Amino acid sequence: MKGSMAGPQHREKNMRLISKADLLKRTFREVAGMKEEIRKEIAVCDRRRRTAHAALANIRTVQGQRRIMRPNL
């Protein structure tokens, strides 16, 4: 997806629940690979969530400081 988007390219997958029967048809390596991919996606989400919470904390701190400096606004 090149073109007007700036920054790193994002890929989005449709994650669907895989049945036990489908998993049993897969090789050990395929299942291990799927597990590792899911773990990586979870780690990315956790990092984004922590970053977002830190940003919110910074915003609240600045808003609190501004209320102290200019309480009528």
N, C-alpha and C. Protein backbone atom coordinates (compact mmCIF):
# COMPACT_ATOMS: atom_id res chain seq x y z
N MET A 1 0.84 -1.17 0.00
CA MET A 1 0.00 0.00 0.00
C MET A 1 0.89 1.24 0.00
N LYS A 2 1.42 1.56 -1.16
CA LYS A 2 2.28 2.73 -1.27
C LYS A 2 1.46 3.90 -1.76
N GLY A 3 2.04 5.07 -1.64
CA GLY A 3 1.33 6.23 -2.15
C GLY A 3 1.25 7.33 -1.13
N SER A 4 0.05 7.76 -0.82
CA SER A 4 -0.16 8.94 0.01
C SER A 4 0.06 8.68 1.50
N MET A 5 0.18 7.42 1.92
CA MET A 5 0.36 7.14 3.34
C MET A 5 1.81 7.39 3.75
N ALA A 6 1.99 8.16 4.79
CA ALA A 6 3.33 8.43 5.30
C ALA A 6 3.63 7.46 6.44
N GLY A 7 4.89 7.22 6.67
CA GLY A 7 5.28 6.36 7.78
C GLY A 7 5.33 4.91 7.37
N PRO A 8 5.49 4.04 8.36
CA PRO A 8 5.61 2.61 8.06
C PRO A 8 4.33 2.06 7.45
N GLN A 9 4.52 1.07 6.63
CA GLN A 9 3.35 0.47 6.00
C GLN A 9 2.71 -0.51 6.98
N HIS A 10 1.41 -0.51 6.97
CA HIS A 10 0.67 -1.37 7.89
C HIS A 10 0.00 -2.48 7.11
N ARG A 11 0.06 -3.67 7.65
CA ARG A 11 -0.67 -4.76 7.04
C ARG A 11 -1.73 -5.21 8.04
N GLU A 12 -2.85 -5.52 7.51
CA GLU A 12 -3.95 -5.92 8.37
C GLU A 12 -4.46 -7.26 7.90
N LYS A 13 -4.62 -8.15 8.84
CA LYS A 13 -5.11 -9.48 8.51
C LYS A 13 -6.46 -9.68 9.17
N ASN A 14 -7.25 -10.47 8.54
CA ASN A 14 -8.50 -10.86 9.17
C ASN A 14 -8.21 -12.09 10.01
N MET A 15 -8.25 -11.92 11.30
CA MET A 15 -7.99 -13.03 12.20
C MET A 15 -9.29 -13.78 12.41
N ARG A 16 -9.24 -15.08 12.25
CA ARG A 16 -10.43 -15.87 12.47
C ARG A 16 -10.06 -17.00 13.41
N LEU A 17 -11.04 -17.48 14.11
CA LEU A 17 -10.83 -18.58 15.02
C LEU A 17 -10.61 -19.86 14.22
N ILE A 18 -9.58 -20.59 14.56
CA ILE A 18 -9.26 -21.83 13.87
C ILE A 18 -9.75 -22.98 14.72
N SER A 19 -10.50 -23.87 14.12
CA SER A 19 -11.05 -24.99 14.87
C SER A 19 -9.95 -26.00 15.22
N LYS A 20 -10.23 -26.81 16.21
CA LYS A 20 -9.28 -27.84 16.60
C LYS A 20 -9.04 -28.82 15.46
N ALA A 21 -10.09 -29.11 14.71
CA ALA A 21 -9.94 -30.03 13.58
C ALA A 21 -8.98 -29.46 12.54
N ASP A 22 -9.09 -28.15 12.27
CA ASP A 22 -8.17 -27.51 11.33
C ASP A 22 -6.74 -27.53 11.86
N LEU A 23 -6.59 -27.30 13.16
CA LEU A 23 -5.25 -27.31 13.75
C LEU A 23 -4.62 -28.70 13.70
N LEU A 24 -5.46 -29.73 13.88
CA LEU A 24 -4.94 -31.10 13.84
C LEU A 24 -4.46 -31.49 12.44
N LYS A 25 -4.97 -30.82 11.42
CA LYS A 25 -4.55 -31.08 10.04
C LYS A 25 -3.21 -30.43 9.73
N ARG A 26 -2.81 -29.47 10.52
CA ARG A 26 -1.57 -28.73 10.29
C ARG A 26 -0.38 -29.46 10.88
N THR A 27 0.81 -29.18 10.34
CA THR A 27 2.02 -29.77 10.89
C THR A 27 2.39 -29.05 12.18
N PHE A 28 3.27 -29.68 12.94
CA PHE A 28 3.74 -29.08 14.19
C PHE A 28 4.38 -27.73 13.93
N ARG A 29 5.17 -27.62 12.86
CA ARG A 29 5.85 -26.36 12.54
C ARG A 29 4.85 -25.27 12.17
N GLU A 30 3.81 -25.62 11.44
CA GLU A 30 2.80 -24.63 11.07
C GLU A 30 2.08 -24.11 12.31
N VAL A 31 1.71 -25.00 13.21
CA VAL A 31 1.02 -24.59 14.43
C VAL A 31 1.94 -23.73 15.29
N ALA A 32 3.21 -24.12 15.40
CA ALA A 32 4.17 -23.33 16.18
C ALA A 32 4.36 -21.95 15.56
N GLY A 33 4.40 -21.88 14.24
CA GLY A 33 4.52 -20.60 13.55
C GLY A 33 3.32 -19.70 13.78
N MET A 34 2.13 -20.31 13.74
CA MET A 34 0.92 -19.55 14.00
C MET A 34 0.91 -19.00 15.42
N LYS A 35 1.33 -19.84 16.36
CA LYS A 35 1.38 -19.43 17.76
C LYS A 35 2.34 -18.26 17.94
N GLU A 36 3.50 -18.34 17.31
CA GLU A 36 4.49 -17.27 17.44
C GLU A 36 3.98 -15.97 16.83
N GLU A 37 3.31 -16.07 15.69
CA GLU A 37 2.76 -14.87 15.05
C GLU A 37 1.72 -14.20 15.94
N ILE A 38 0.88 -14.99 16.57
CA ILE A 38 -0.14 -14.45 17.47
C ILE A 38 0.51 -13.79 18.68
N ARG A 39 1.54 -14.42 19.21
CA ARG A 39 2.24 -13.82 20.36
C ARG A 39 2.87 -12.48 20.00
N LYS A 40 3.43 -12.38 18.80
CA LYS A 40 4.03 -11.12 18.36
C LYS A 40 2.97 -10.03 18.23
N GLU A 41 1.82 -10.38 17.66
CA GLU A 41 0.74 -9.41 17.52
C GLU A 41 0.26 -8.91 18.88
N ILE A 42 0.17 -9.82 19.84
CA ILE A 42 -0.25 -9.43 21.20
C ILE A 42 0.77 -8.50 21.82
N ALA A 43 2.06 -8.79 21.61
CA ALA A 43 3.12 -7.93 22.16
C ALA A 43 3.05 -6.53 21.57
N VAL A 44 2.80 -6.44 20.27
CA VAL A 44 2.68 -5.13 19.62
C VAL A 44 1.51 -4.35 20.21
N CYS A 45 0.40 -5.03 20.41
CA CYS A 45 -0.78 -4.37 20.98
C CYS A 45 -0.50 -3.89 22.40
N ASP A 46 0.20 -4.71 23.18
CA ASP A 46 0.53 -4.32 24.55
C ASP A 46 1.42 -3.08 24.56
N ARG A 47 2.42 -3.04 23.66
CA ARG A 47 3.30 -1.87 23.59
C ARG A 47 2.52 -0.63 23.19
N ARG A 48 1.64 -0.75 22.22
CA ARG A 48 0.83 0.40 21.80
C ARG A 48 -0.06 0.88 22.94
N ARG A 49 -0.63 -0.05 23.67
CA ARG A 49 -1.51 0.31 24.78
C ARG A 49 -0.72 1.04 25.86
N ARG A 50 0.47 0.54 26.22
CA ARG A 50 1.29 1.21 27.24
C ARG A 50 1.69 2.60 26.78
N THR A 51 2.04 2.74 25.51
CA THR A 51 2.41 4.05 24.97
C THR A 51 1.22 5.00 25.04
N ALA A 52 0.06 4.52 24.69
CA ALA A 52 -1.15 5.34 24.73
C ALA A 52 -1.47 5.77 26.15
N HIS A 53 -1.34 4.87 27.11
CA HIS A 53 -1.59 5.23 28.51
C HIS A 53 -0.60 6.27 29.00
N ALA A 54 0.66 6.13 28.60
CA ALA A 54 1.66 7.12 29.00
C ALA A 54 1.34 8.48 28.39
N ALA A 55 0.90 8.49 27.14
CA ALA A 55 0.53 9.75 26.49
C ALA A 55 -0.65 10.39 27.20
N LEU A 56 -1.63 9.59 27.57
CA LEU A 56 -2.78 10.13 28.31
C LEU A 56 -2.36 10.70 29.66
N ALA A 57 -1.45 10.02 30.33
CA ALA A 57 -0.97 10.53 31.62
C ALA A 57 -0.28 11.88 31.43
N ASN A 58 0.52 12.01 30.39
CA ASN A 58 1.19 13.28 30.11
C ASN A 58 0.18 14.39 29.80
N ILE A 59 -0.84 14.07 29.04
CA ILE A 59 -1.87 15.06 28.70
C ILE A 59 -2.60 15.50 29.96
N ARG A 60 -2.95 14.56 30.82
CA ARG A 60 -3.65 14.91 32.07
C ARG A 60 -2.78 15.79 32.96
N THR A 61 -1.49 15.50 33.00
CA THR A 61 -0.56 16.31 33.80
C THR A 61 -0.52 17.74 33.29
N VAL A 62 -0.40 17.89 31.97
CA VAL A 62 -0.35 19.23 31.39
C VAL A 62 -1.67 19.96 31.61
N GLN A 63 -2.79 19.26 31.45
CA GLN A 63 -4.08 19.90 31.68
C GLN A 63 -4.21 20.34 33.13
N GLY A 64 -3.75 19.53 34.06
CA GLY A 64 -3.79 19.90 35.47
C GLY A 64 -2.94 21.11 35.76
N GLN A 65 -1.76 21.19 35.15
CA GLN A 65 -0.88 22.34 35.36
C GLN A 65 -1.51 23.60 34.79
N ARG A 66 -2.17 23.48 33.66
CA ARG A 66 -2.80 24.65 33.06
C ARG A 66 -3.96 25.15 33.90
N ARG A 67 -4.67 24.22 34.53
CA ARG A 67 -5.78 24.64 35.41
C ARG A 67 -5.25 25.42 36.62
N ILE A 68 -4.09 25.02 37.12
CA ILE A 68 -3.50 25.71 38.26
C ILE A 68 -3.05 27.10 37.85
N MET A 69 -2.41 27.21 36.66
CA MET A 69 -1.91 28.51 36.20
C MET A 69 -3.04 29.45 35.80
N ARG A 70 -4.09 28.92 35.15
CA ARG A 70 -5.20 29.74 34.67
C ARG A 70 -6.51 29.07 35.09
N PRO A 71 -6.91 29.20 36.32
CA PRO A 71 -8.08 28.47 36.80
C PRO A 71 -9.41 28.90 36.19
N ASN A 72 -9.49 30.08 35.60
CA ASN A 72 -10.76 30.56 35.05
C ASN A 72 -11.02 30.07 33.63
N LEU A 73 -10.09 29.37 33.03
CA LEU A 73 -10.27 28.93 31.64
C LEU A 73 -10.78 27.54 31.57
